[in-house]
């Protein structure tokens, strides 16, 4: 699914806002805050599963490219 430039820019702001430690990656705790704020709180197991599914480089976190890929997956 293609994202409009405007939507991608909005997602970049979300990513940067939730990257609380400024590492350029979203960890499980930060991902949990995103899900909770979207009204879909996730269990620790669900968060670990999402990290595993979208962490293409095996770092244990979600970087910008992995994050944007997640938003492009149709649910």
PDB file of N, CA and C in Angstrom:
ATOM      1  N   UNK A   1       0.845  -1.174   0.000  1.00  0.00           N
ATOM      2  CA  UNK A   1       0.000   0.000   0.000  1.00  0.00           C
ATOM      3  C   UNK A   1       0.889   1.235   0.000  1.00  0.00           C
ATOM      4  N   UNK A   2       0.645   2.128  -0.906  1.00  0.00           N
ATOM      5  CA  UNK A   2       1.420   3.366  -0.980  1.00  0.00           C
ATOM      6  C   UNK A   2       0.846   4.389  -0.005  1.00  0.00           C
ATOM      7  N   UNK A   3       1.736   5.144   0.592  1.00  0.00           N
ATOM      8  CA  UNK A   3       1.326   6.213   1.490  1.00  0.00           C
ATOM      9  C   UNK A   3       1.553   7.545   0.798  1.00  0.00           C
ATOM     10  N   UNK A   4       0.656   8.486   1.047  1.00  0.00           N
ATOM     11  CA  UNK A   4       0.869   9.822   0.507  1.00  0.00           C
ATOM     12  C   UNK A   4       2.040  10.460   1.248  1.00  0.00           C
ATOM     13  N   UNK A   5       2.644  11.441   0.629  1.00  0.00           N
ATOM     14  CA  UNK A   5       3.754  12.155   1.261  1.00  0.00           C
ATOM     15  C   UNK A   5       3.301  12.763   2.579  1.00  0.00           C
ATOM     16  N   UNK A   6       2.095  13.314   2.595  1.00  0.00           N
ATOM     17  CA  UNK A   6       1.558  13.922   3.813  1.00  0.00           C
ATOM     18  C   UNK A   6       1.413  12.881   4.924  1.00  0.00           C
ATOM     19  N   UNK A   7       0.880  11.718   4.592  1.00  0.00           N
ATOM     20  CA  UNK A   7       0.709  10.659   5.589  1.00  0.00           C
ATOM     21  C   UNK A   7       2.069  10.178   6.092  1.00  0.00           C
ATOM     22  N   UNK A   8       3.023  10.023   5.184  1.00  0.00           N
ATOM     23  CA  UNK A   8       4.354   9.590   5.591  1.00  0.00           C
ATOM     24  C   UNK A   8       5.001  10.620   6.516  1.00  0.00           C
ATOM     25  N   UNK A   9       4.794  11.905   6.242  1.00  0.00           N
ATOM     26  CA  UNK A   9       5.344  12.952   7.106  1.00  0.00           C
ATOM     27  C   UNK A   9       4.695  12.912   8.487  1.00  0.00           C
ATOM     28  N   UNK A  10       3.387  12.654   8.532  1.00  0.00           N
ATOM     29  CA  UNK A  10       2.694  12.525   9.816  1.00  0.00           C
ATOM     30  C   UNK A  10       3.241  11.341  10.603  1.00  0.00           C
ATOM     31  N   UNK A  11       3.463  10.226   9.899  1.00  0.00           N
ATOM     32  CA  UNK A  11       4.011   9.048  10.562  1.00  0.00           C
ATOM     33  C   UNK A  11       5.424   9.301  11.061  1.00  0.00           C
ATOM     34  N   UNK A  12       6.204  10.068  10.323  1.00  0.00           N
ATOM     35  CA  UNK A  12       7.567  10.397  10.762  1.00  0.00           C
ATOM     36  C   UNK A  12       7.520  11.186  12.057  1.00  0.00           C
ATOM     37  N   UNK A  13       6.561  12.108  12.168  1.00  0.00           N
ATOM     38  CA  UNK A  13       6.416  12.878  13.403  1.00  0.00           C
ATOM     39  C   UNK A  13       6.042  11.955  14.557  1.00  0.00           C
ATOM     40  N   UNK A  14       5.122  11.026  14.311  1.00  0.00           N
ATOM     41  CA  UNK A  14       4.746  10.053  15.345  1.00  0.00           C
ATOM     42  C   UNK A  14       5.973   9.256  15.770  1.00  0.00           C
ATOM     43  N   UNK A  15       6.717   8.746  14.793  1.00  0.00           N
ATOM     44  CA  UNK A  15       7.915   7.958  15.085  1.00  0.00           C
ATOM     45  C   UNK A  15       8.878   8.767  15.954  1.00  0.00           C
ATOM     46  N   UNK A  16       9.168   9.991  15.536  1.00  0.00           N
ATOM     47  CA  UNK A  16      10.115  10.828  16.277  1.00  0.00           C
ATOM     48  C   UNK A  16       9.597  11.170  17.673  1.00  0.00           C
ATOM     49  N   UNK A  17       8.290  11.429  17.789  1.00  0.00           N
ATOM     50  CA  UNK A  17       7.710  11.757  19.095  1.00  0.00           C
ATOM     51  C   UNK A  17       7.812  10.586  20.071  1.00  0.00           C
ATOM     52  N   UNK A  18       7.635   9.365  19.584  1.00  0.00           N
ATOM     53  CA  UNK A  18       7.669   8.199  20.465  1.00  0.00           C
ATOM     54  C   UNK A  18       9.074   7.636  20.658  1.00  0.00           C
ATOM     55  N   UNK A  19      10.007   8.062  19.849  1.00  0.00           N
ATOM     56  CA  UNK A  19      11.413   7.669  20.039  1.00  0.00           C
ATOM     57  C   UNK A  19      11.970   8.530  21.166  1.00  0.00           C
ATOM     58  N   UNK A  20      11.502   8.242  22.372  1.00  0.00           N
ATOM     59  CA  UNK A  20      11.777   9.086  23.529  1.00  0.00           C
ATOM     60  C   UNK A  20      13.254   9.218  23.860  1.00  0.00           C
ATOM     61  N   UNK A  21      14.025   8.174  23.597  1.00  0.00           N
ATOM     62  CA  UNK A  21      15.444   8.235  23.939  1.00  0.00           C
ATOM     63  C   UNK A  21      16.299   8.754  22.787  1.00  0.00           C
ATOM     64  N   UNK A  22      15.665   9.070  21.652  1.00  0.00           N
ATOM     65  CA  UNK A  22      16.376   9.682  20.537  1.00  0.00           C
ATOM     66  C   UNK A  22      17.363   8.783  19.821  1.00  0.00           C
ATOM     67  N   UNK A  23      17.166   7.475  19.894  1.00  0.00           N
ATOM     68  CA  UNK A  23      18.111   6.542  19.280  1.00  0.00           C
ATOM     69  C   UNK A  23      17.866   6.328  17.791  1.00  0.00           C
ATOM     70  N   UNK A  24      16.695   6.773  17.302  1.00  0.00           N
ATOM     71  CA  UNK A  24      16.345   6.499  15.914  1.00  0.00           C
ATOM     72  C   UNK A  24      15.662   5.160  15.750  1.00  0.00           C
ATOM     73  N   UNK A  25      15.338   4.531  16.875  1.00  0.00           N
ATOM     74  CA  UNK A  25      14.655   3.240  16.898  1.00  0.00           C
ATOM     75  C   UNK A  25      13.518   3.290  17.907  1.00  0.00           C
ATOM     76  N   UNK A  26      12.511   2.481  17.673  1.00  0.00           N
ATOM     77  CA  UNK A  26      11.403   2.303  18.611  1.00  0.00           C
ATOM     78  C   UNK A  26      11.590   0.939  19.266  1.00  0.00           C
ATOM     79  N   UNK A  27      11.678   0.939  20.597  1.00  0.00           N
ATOM     80  CA  UNK A  27      11.793  -0.341  21.298  1.00  0.00           C
ATOM     81  C   UNK A  27      10.395  -0.819  21.704  1.00  0.00           C
ATOM     82  N   UNK A  28      10.320  -1.965  22.335  1.00  0.00           N
ATOM     83  CA  UNK A  28       9.026  -2.556  22.688  1.00  0.00           C
ATOM     84  C   UNK A  28       8.221  -1.633  23.598  1.00  0.00           C
ATOM     85  N   UNK A  29       8.877  -0.977  24.546  1.00  0.00           N
ATOM     86  CA  UNK A  29       8.167  -0.077  25.454  1.00  0.00           C
ATOM     87  C   UNK A  29       7.572   1.102  24.686  1.00  0.00           C
ATOM     88  N   UNK A  30       8.355   1.684  23.796  1.00  0.00           N
ATOM     89  CA  UNK A  30       7.877   2.819  23.003  1.00  0.00           C
ATOM     90  C   UNK A  30       6.764   2.383  22.049  1.00  0.00           C
ATOM     91  N   UNK A  31       6.896   1.197  21.466  1.00  0.00           N
ATOM     92  CA  UNK A  31       5.859   0.663  20.589  1.00  0.00           C
ATOM     93  C   UNK A  31       4.570   0.438  21.373  1.00  0.00           C
ATOM     94  N   UNK A  32       4.711  -0.015  22.604  1.00  0.00           N
ATOM     95  CA  UNK A  32       3.551  -0.208  23.465  1.00  0.00           C
ATOM     96  C   UNK A  32       2.815   1.090  23.732  1.00  0.00           C
ATOM     97  N   UNK A  33       3.552   2.175  23.886  1.00  0.00           N
ATOM     98  CA  UNK A  33       2.922   3.481  24.107  1.00  0.00           C
ATOM     99  C   UNK A  33       2.155   3.931  22.873  1.00  0.00           C
ATOM    100  N   UNK A  34       2.704   3.668  21.697  1.00  0.00           N
ATOM    101  CA  UNK A  34       1.996   4.012  20.462  1.00  0.00           C
ATOM    102  C   UNK A  34       0.672   3.251  20.407  1.00  0.00           C
ATOM    103  N   UNK A  35       0.730   1.948  20.620  1.00  0.00           N
ATOM    104  CA  UNK A  35      -0.472   1.113  20.555  1.00  0.00           C
ATOM    105  C   UNK A  35      -1.505   1.559  21.588  1.00  0.00           C
ATOM    106  N   UNK A  36      -1.045   1.834  22.798  1.00  0.00           N
ATOM    107  CA  UNK A  36      -1.950   2.266  23.858  1.00  0.00           C
ATOM    108  C   UNK A  36      -2.614   3.587  23.494  1.00  0.00           C
ATOM    109  N   UNK A  37      -1.836   4.527  22.988  1.00  0.00           N
ATOM    110  CA  UNK A  37      -2.383   5.828  22.615  1.00  0.00           C
ATOM    111  C   UNK A  37      -3.341   5.733  21.431  1.00  0.00           C
ATOM    112  N   UNK A  38      -3.195   4.690  20.613  1.00  0.00           N
ATOM    113  CA  UNK A  38      -4.123   4.452  19.504  1.00  0.00           C
ATOM    114  C   UNK A  38      -5.367   3.686  19.964  1.00  0.00           C
ATOM    115  N   UNK A  39      -5.433   3.386  21.273  1.00  0.00           N
ATOM    116  CA  UNK A  39      -6.588   2.688  21.821  1.00  0.00           C
ATOM    117  C   UNK A  39      -6.534   1.184  21.658  1.00  0.00           C
ATOM    118  N   UNK A  40      -5.350   0.656  21.367  1.00  0.00           N
ATOM    119  CA  UNK A  40      -5.168  -0.782  21.173  1.00  0.00           C
ATOM    120  C   UNK A  40      -4.011  -1.282  22.035  1.00  0.00           C
ATOM    121  N   UNK A  41      -4.172  -1.255  23.364  1.00  0.00           N
ATOM    122  CA  UNK A  41      -3.071  -1.722  24.205  1.00  0.00           C
ATOM    123  C   UNK A  41      -2.707  -3.168  23.873  1.00  0.00           C
ATOM    124  N   UNK A  42      -1.413  -3.444  23.873  1.00  0.00           N
ATOM    125  CA  UNK A  42      -0.915  -4.772  23.523  1.00  0.00           C
ATOM    126  C   UNK A  42      -0.182  -5.384  24.707  1.00  0.00           C
ATOM    127  N   UNK A  43      -0.277  -6.689  24.808  1.00  0.00           N
ATOM    128  CA  UNK A  43       0.446  -7.403  25.856  1.00  0.00           C
ATOM    129  C   UNK A  43       1.937  -7.422  25.521  1.00  0.00           C
ATOM    130  N   UNK A  44       2.740  -7.787  26.500  1.00  0.00           N
ATOM    131  CA  UNK A  44       4.184  -7.912  26.279  1.00  0.00           C
ATOM    132  C   UNK A  44       4.463  -8.905  25.157  1.00  0.00           C
ATOM    133  N   UNK A  45       3.720  -9.998  25.147  1.00  0.00           N
ATOM    134  CA  UNK A  45       3.901 -11.023  24.120  1.00  0.00           C
ATOM    135  C   UNK A  45       3.556 -10.489  22.734  1.00  0.00           C
ATOM    136  N   UNK A  46       2.477  -9.719  22.642  1.00  0.00           N
ATOM    137  CA  UNK A  46       2.085  -9.133  21.353  1.00  0.00           C
ATOM    138  C   UNK A  46       3.134  -8.140  20.858  1.00  0.00           C
ATOM    139  N   UNK A  47       3.671  -7.348  21.773  1.00  0.00           N
ATOM    140  CA  UNK A  47       4.716  -6.391  21.399  1.00  0.00           C
ATOM    141  C   UNK A  47       5.969  -7.115  20.919  1.00  0.00           C
ATOM    142  N   UNK A  48       6.354  -8.159  21.635  1.00  0.00           N
ATOM    143  CA  UNK A  48       7.526  -8.939  21.224  1.00  0.00           C
ATOM    144  C   UNK A  48       7.309  -9.558  19.848  1.00  0.00           C
ATOM    145  N   UNK A  49       6.087 -10.026  19.598  1.00  0.00           N
ATOM    146  CA  UNK A  49       5.771 -10.609  18.295  1.00  0.00           C
ATOM    147  C   UNK A  49       5.889  -9.554  17.189  1.00  0.00           C
ATOM    148  N   UNK A  50       5.341  -8.371  17.422  1.00  0.00           N
ATOM    149  CA  UNK A  50       5.426  -7.302  16.420  1.00  0.00           C
ATOM    150  C   UNK A  50       6.870  -6.918  16.143  1.00  0.00           C
ATOM    151  N   UNK A  51       7.662  -6.798  17.194  1.00  0.00           N
ATOM    152  CA  UNK A  51       9.080  -6.476  17.006  1.00  0.00           C
ATOM    153  C   UNK A  51       9.727  -7.563  16.152  1.00  0.00           C
ATOM    154  N   UNK A  52       9.469  -8.814  16.484  1.00  0.00           N
ATOM    155  CA  UNK A  52      10.064  -9.924  15.744  1.00  0.00           C
ATOM    156  C   UNK A  52       9.630  -9.900  14.272  1.00  0.00           C
ATOM    157  N   UNK A  53       8.356  -9.614  14.021  1.00  0.00           N
ATOM    158  CA  UNK A  53       7.821  -9.621  12.660  1.00  0.00           C
ATOM    159  C   UNK A  53       8.401  -8.505  11.791  1.00  0.00           C
ATOM    160  N   UNK A  54       8.614  -7.334  12.362  1.00  0.00           N
ATOM    161  CA  UNK A  54       8.996  -6.176  11.554  1.00  0.00           C
ATOM    162  C   UNK A  54      10.442  -5.746  11.726  1.00  0.00           C
ATOM    163  N   UNK A  55      11.169  -6.390  12.611  1.00  0.00           N
ATOM    164  CA  UNK A  55      12.578  -6.063  12.841  1.00  0.00           C
ATOM    165  C   UNK A  55      13.442  -6.792  11.815  1.00  0.00           C
ATOM    166  N   UNK A  56      13.521  -6.234  10.622  1.00  0.00           N
ATOM    167  CA  UNK A  56      14.213  -6.889   9.502  1.00  0.00           C
ATOM    168  C   UNK A  56      15.703  -7.077   9.748  1.00  0.00           C
ATOM    169  N   UNK A  57      16.323  -6.164  10.506  1.00  0.00           N
ATOM    170  CA  UNK A  57      17.769  -6.259  10.704  1.00  0.00           C
ATOM    171  C   UNK A  57      18.163  -7.002  11.983  1.00  0.00           C
ATOM    172  N   UNK A  58      17.172  -7.499  12.746  1.00  0.00           N
ATOM    173  CA  UNK A  58      17.462  -8.286  13.939  1.00  0.00           C
ATOM    174  C   UNK A  58      18.023  -7.504  15.108  1.00  0.00           C
ATOM    175  N   UNK A  59      17.800  -6.192  15.125  1.00  0.00           N
ATOM    176  CA  UNK A  59      18.351  -5.350  16.186  1.00  0.00           C
ATOM    177  C   UNK A  59      17.554  -5.407  17.486  1.00  0.00           C
ATOM    178  N   UNK A  60      16.331  -5.932  17.422  1.00  0.00           N
ATOM    179  CA  UNK A  60      15.477  -5.953  18.607  1.00  0.00           C
ATOM    180  C   UNK A  60      14.651  -4.694  18.756  1.00  0.00           C
ATOM    181  N   UNK A  61      14.772  -3.786  17.799  1.00  0.00           N
ATOM    182  CA  UNK A  61      14.011  -2.546  17.784  1.00  0.00           C
ATOM    183  C   UNK A  61      13.482  -2.309  16.369  1.00  0.00           C
ATOM    184  N   UNK A  62      12.626  -1.310  16.241  1.00  0.00           N
ATOM    185  CA  UNK A  62      12.055  -0.944  14.947  1.00  0.00           C
ATOM    186  C   UNK A  62      12.643   0.401  14.527  1.00  0.00           C
ATOM    187  N   UNK A  63      13.373   0.411  13.412  1.00  0.00           N
ATOM    188  CA  UNK A  63      13.887   1.689  12.902  1.00  0.00           C
ATOM    189  C   UNK A  63      12.843   2.302  11.968  1.00  0.00           C
ATOM    190  N   UNK A  64      13.149   3.483  11.436  1.00  0.00           N
ATOM    191  CA  UNK A  64      12.178   4.191  10.604  1.00  0.00           C
ATOM    192  C   UNK A  64      11.717   3.347   9.417  1.00  0.00           C
ATOM    193  N   UNK A  65      12.631   2.731   8.700  1.00  0.00           N
ATOM    194  CA  UNK A  65      12.264   1.940   7.519  1.00  0.00           C
ATOM    195  C   UNK A  65      11.360   0.766   7.900  1.00  0.00           C
ATOM    196  N   UNK A  66      11.639   0.146   9.022  1.00  0.00           N
ATOM    197  CA  UNK A  66      10.813  -0.968   9.487  1.00  0.00           C
ATOM    198  C   UNK A  66       9.440  -0.466   9.945  1.00  0.00           C
ATOM    199  N   UNK A  67       9.426   0.691  10.592  1.00  0.00           N
ATOM    200  CA  UNK A  67       8.183   1.297  11.072  1.00  0.00           C
ATOM    201  C   UNK A  67       7.264   1.634   9.906  1.00  0.00           C
ATOM    202  N   UNK A  68       7.811   2.265   8.886  1.00  0.00           N
ATOM    203  CA  UNK A  68       6.999   2.663   7.741  1.00  0.00           C
ATOM    204  C   UNK A  68       6.506   1.424   6.989  1.00  0.00           C
ATOM    205  N   UNK A  69       7.313   0.378   6.940  1.00  0.00           N
ATOM    206  CA  UNK A  69       6.885  -0.876   6.305  1.00  0.00           C
ATOM    207  C   UNK A  69       5.684  -1.462   7.047  1.00  0.00           C
ATOM    208  N   UNK A  70       5.683  -1.348   8.376  1.00  0.00           N
ATOM    209  CA  UNK A  70       4.582  -1.836   9.204  1.00  0.00           C
ATOM    210  C   UNK A  70       3.281  -1.136   8.813  1.00  0.00           C
ATOM    211  N   UNK A  71       3.343   0.172   8.584  1.00  0.00           N
ATOM    212  CA  UNK A  71       2.142   0.939   8.247  1.00  0.00           C
ATOM    213  C   UNK A  71       1.648   0.650   6.837  1.00  0.00           C
ATOM    214  N   UNK A  72       2.507   0.079   6.015  1.00  0.00           N
ATOM    215  CA  UNK A  72       2.105  -0.230   4.640  1.00  0.00           C
ATOM    216  C   UNK A  72       1.437  -1.597   4.514  1.00  0.00           C
ATOM    217  N   UNK A  73       1.490  -2.398   5.570  1.00  0.00           N
ATOM    218  CA  UNK A  73       0.881  -3.730   5.547  1.00  0.00           C
ATOM    219  C   UNK A  73      -0.631  -3.584   5.713  1.00  0.00           C
ATOM    220  N   UNK A  74      -1.407  -4.129   4.783  1.00  0.00           N
ATOM    221  CA  UNK A  74      -2.870  -4.059   4.939  1.00  0.00           C
ATOM    222  C   UNK A  74      -3.332  -4.990   6.057  1.00  0.00           C
ATOM    223  N   UNK A  75      -4.202  -4.484   6.906  1.00  0.00           N
ATOM    224  CA  UNK A  75      -4.736  -5.285   8.018  1.00  0.00           C
ATOM    225  C   UNK A  75      -6.152  -5.690   7.722  1.00  0.00           C
TER     226      UNK A  75
END
